[in-house]
Protein backbone atom coordinates (compact mmCIF):
# COMPACT_ATOMS: atom_id res chain seq x y z
CA MET A 1 0.00 -0.08 0.11
CA VAL A 2 1.36 3.31 -1.04
CA LEU A 3 0.74 6.16 1.66
CA GLN A 4 -0.93 9.20 -0.06
CA ILE A 5 0.36 12.32 1.19
CA THR A 6 -0.69 16.11 0.76
CA VAL A 7 1.81 18.86 1.99
CA ARG A 8 0.35 22.15 2.97
CA LEU A 9 1.13 25.29 4.91
CA ALA A 10 1.02 24.71 8.89
CA ARG A 11 -1.87 26.45 10.50
CA PRO A 12 -1.96 27.25 14.16
CA GLU A 13 -4.67 24.56 14.89
CA ASP A 14 -1.63 22.10 13.72
CA ALA A 15 0.72 23.00 16.77
CA GLU A 16 -0.33 20.25 19.02
CA LYS A 17 0.25 17.53 16.61
CA MET A 18 3.23 19.03 15.23
CA HIS A 19 4.63 19.16 18.76
CA HIS A 20 3.85 15.54 19.33
CA ILE A 21 5.57 14.50 16.13
CA HIS A 22 8.72 16.66 17.04
CA VAL A 23 8.94 15.05 20.64
CA ASN A 24 8.25 11.48 19.52
CA SER A 25 10.39 11.60 16.72
CA VAL A 26 13.66 12.90 18.62
CA ARG A 27 12.87 10.65 21.51
CA GLN A 28 12.37 7.70 19.36
CA LEU A 29 14.36 7.87 16.12
CA CYS A 30 17.54 9.75 17.88
CA ALA A 31 17.81 7.22 20.78
CA VAL A 32 20.66 5.48 18.88
CA ASP A 33 22.71 8.74 18.33
CA TYR A 34 22.09 10.74 21.43
CA THR A 35 22.23 10.43 25.38
CA GLN A 36 18.96 10.73 27.18
CA GLU A 37 20.20 14.07 28.56
CA GLN A 38 20.82 15.34 25.22
CA ILE A 39 17.33 14.28 23.96
CA GLU A 40 15.57 15.82 27.02
CA ALA A 41 17.59 19.10 26.56
CA TRP A 42 16.42 19.10 23.16
CA VAL A 43 12.72 18.51 23.29
CA GLY A 44 11.92 18.33 27.06
CA HIS A 45 11.25 22.17 27.43
CA LEU A 46 8.98 22.32 24.14
CA ASN A 47 5.30 23.03 24.30
CA PRO A 48 2.72 23.32 21.79
CA GLU A 49 1.22 26.76 22.77
CA THR A 50 4.83 28.37 22.00
CA LEU A 51 4.69 26.59 18.56
CA ARG A 52 1.26 27.62 17.92
CA GLN A 53 2.38 31.46 18.67
CA TYR A 54 5.22 30.96 16.51
CA ILE A 55 3.25 29.91 13.52
CA ILE A 56 1.10 32.95 14.28
CA ASN A 57 3.86 35.47 14.77
CA GLY A 58 6.78 34.02 13.16
CA ALA A 59 5.43 33.48 9.48
CA ARG A 60 7.56 36.51 8.22
CA TYR A 61 10.97 34.35 9.21
CA GLU A 62 9.89 30.93 8.62
CA VAL A 63 7.44 29.05 6.51
CA GLN A 64 6.18 25.70 8.01
CA PHE A 65 4.49 22.91 6.18
CA VAL A 66 2.86 19.72 7.30
CA ALA A 67 2.30 16.39 5.71
CA GLU A 68 -1.11 14.92 5.98
CA ASP A 69 -2.21 11.50 5.17
CA GLU A 70 -5.49 10.76 3.04
CA ASN A 71 -7.42 10.51 6.38
CA GLY A 72 -6.18 13.94 7.39
CA ILE A 73 -3.67 12.77 9.95
CA ILE A 74 -0.51 14.78 10.18
CA THR A 75 2.56 12.75 9.75
CA GLY A 76 5.21 15.04 9.75
CA PHE A 77 6.43 18.69 9.22
CA SER A 78 9.35 20.89 7.71
CA ALA A 79 10.39 24.57 7.97
CA PHE A 80 12.25 26.95 5.71
CA ASP A 81 13.82 29.72 7.47
CA LYS A 82 13.92 33.04 5.12
CA ASN A 83 17.59 33.38 5.77
CA GLY A 84 18.25 30.31 3.33
CA ASP A 85 18.30 27.23 5.86
CA ILE A 86 16.21 24.13 6.16
CA SER A 87 15.25 24.44 9.93
CA ALA A 88 13.28 21.25 10.38
CA VAL A 89 12.20 18.24 8.81
CA TYR A 90 10.46 15.87 11.34
CA VAL A 91 8.29 12.66 10.58
CA HIS A 92 6.35 10.76 13.20
CA PRO A 93 8.14 7.45 13.80
CA ASP A 94 5.06 5.48 12.61
CA TYR A 95 5.48 7.08 9.14
CA THR A 96 9.21 7.01 8.25
CA ARG A 97 10.56 5.47 5.37
CA GLN A 98 7.29 6.11 3.46
CA GLY A 99 8.24 9.22 1.28
CA VAL A 100 6.97 11.73 4.04
CA GLY A 101 10.24 13.45 4.86
CA LYS A 102 11.17 13.61 1.19
CA GLN A 103 7.93 15.21 0.23
CA LEU A 104 8.23 17.69 3.19
CA LEU A 105 11.78 18.31 2.15
CA LYS A 106 10.95 19.17 -1.37
CA ALA A 107 8.26 21.77 -0.11
CA ALA A 108 10.85 23.58 2.01
CA GLU A 109 13.19 23.54 -1.05
CA ASN A 110 10.43 24.94 -3.43
CA GLU A 111 9.91 27.69 -0.98
CA ALA A 112 13.68 28.42 -0.92
CA LEU A 113 13.57 28.57 -4.63
CA ALA A 114 10.42 30.98 -4.37
CA HIS A 115 12.67 33.21 -2.32
CA ASN A 116 15.37 33.11 -4.86
CA PHE A 117 17.73 30.75 -2.93
CA THR A 118 19.67 28.26 -4.99
CA LYS A 119 21.88 27.00 -2.17
CA LEU A 120 20.77 25.64 1.16
CA GLN A 121 22.46 24.51 4.19
CA ILE A 122 21.23 22.72 7.02
CA SER A 123 22.78 21.79 10.53
CA ALA A 124 21.29 18.08 10.75
CA SER A 125 21.09 15.75 13.75
CA ILE A 126 23.43 12.66 13.40
CA THR A 127 20.57 10.60 12.90
CA ALA A 128 19.01 12.43 9.93
CA LEU A 129 22.53 12.57 7.87
CA PRO A 130 21.75 9.46 5.75
CA PHE A 131 18.22 11.10 5.08
CA TYR A 132 19.77 14.24 3.69
CA LYS A 133 22.85 12.59 1.82
CA ALA A 134 19.96 10.31 -0.02
CA ASN A 135 18.29 13.74 -0.85
CA GLY A 136 21.20 15.19 -2.68
CA TYR A 137 22.78 17.02 0.28
CA LYS A 138 26.59 17.15 0.51
CA PHE A 139 28.20 16.58 3.71
CA ILE A 140 30.50 19.66 4.73
CA LYS A 141 31.47 18.83 8.22
CA TYR A 142 30.61 17.69 11.80
CA SER A 143 29.53 20.45 14.26
CA SER A 144 27.76 20.65 17.19
CA HIS A 145 24.84 22.90 18.60
CA ARG A 146 24.48 24.28 22.08
CA LEU A 147 21.00 24.18 23.19
CA ARG A 148 19.27 26.69 25.59
CA SER A 149 19.96 24.36 28.63
CA ASN A 150 23.77 24.56 27.81
CA VAL A 151 23.96 20.86 26.69
CA THR A 152 25.80 20.43 23.44
CA ILE A 153 24.59 17.82 20.65
CA PRO A 154 26.70 16.76 17.79
CA CYS A 155 25.54 17.73 14.23
CA ALA A 156 26.45 17.81 10.67
CA LEU A 157 26.47 20.67 8.40
CA LEU A 158 25.20 19.82 4.90
CA GLU A 159 24.59 21.75 1.73
CA LYS A 160 22.81 21.49 -1.44
CA THR A 161 22.45 23.62 -4.71
CA LEU A 162 19.06 23.55 -6.00
CA ALA A 163 18.35 22.85 -9.53
CA THR A 164 16.54 25.82 -11.36
CA ASP A 165 14.18 25.42 -14.05
CA THR A 166 16.26 27.25 -16.49
CA THR A 167 16.93 25.68 -19.64
CA ASP A 168 19.58 26.17 -22.39
CA VAL A 169 18.14 27.08 -25.86
CA THR A 170 20.68 26.28 -28.57
CA ASP A 171 20.26 26.89 -32.16
CA ASP A 172 20.71 23.95 -34.57
């Protein structure tokens, strides 16, 4: 059975489900690569109301997308930071390896192109490194990210040059 996914802009009423996906994705999928302390520092302080307010007020800085299945269940979300970065791609653990992340990433990349960005960078979790490589991102270097709690988590910096629809016309 092929999962039918629709990607749309996130709405404030999606915040609770997006929060649930974010927390569960990190706690379940990243447990192999990160310690419990790192995971809780990463997502333990998050709350859906802050996310809801961010969707309402942060739209000028970031564009967020959600993926829904044919039953209207939100299966993941992504975000493009208007400074030129992919700032999030999270998929609920029950929906991984079904094309959800790829569609969410493509939506963010298309948004980047719409804002005239042709090169994107992402500071990705170690867990997500194979996903981004499989989607055409080039590994630049290992890095780290210091969380608000002062806990540091290892990351990987990747970049991708986006293909534009320009075609060369030649005379024969």
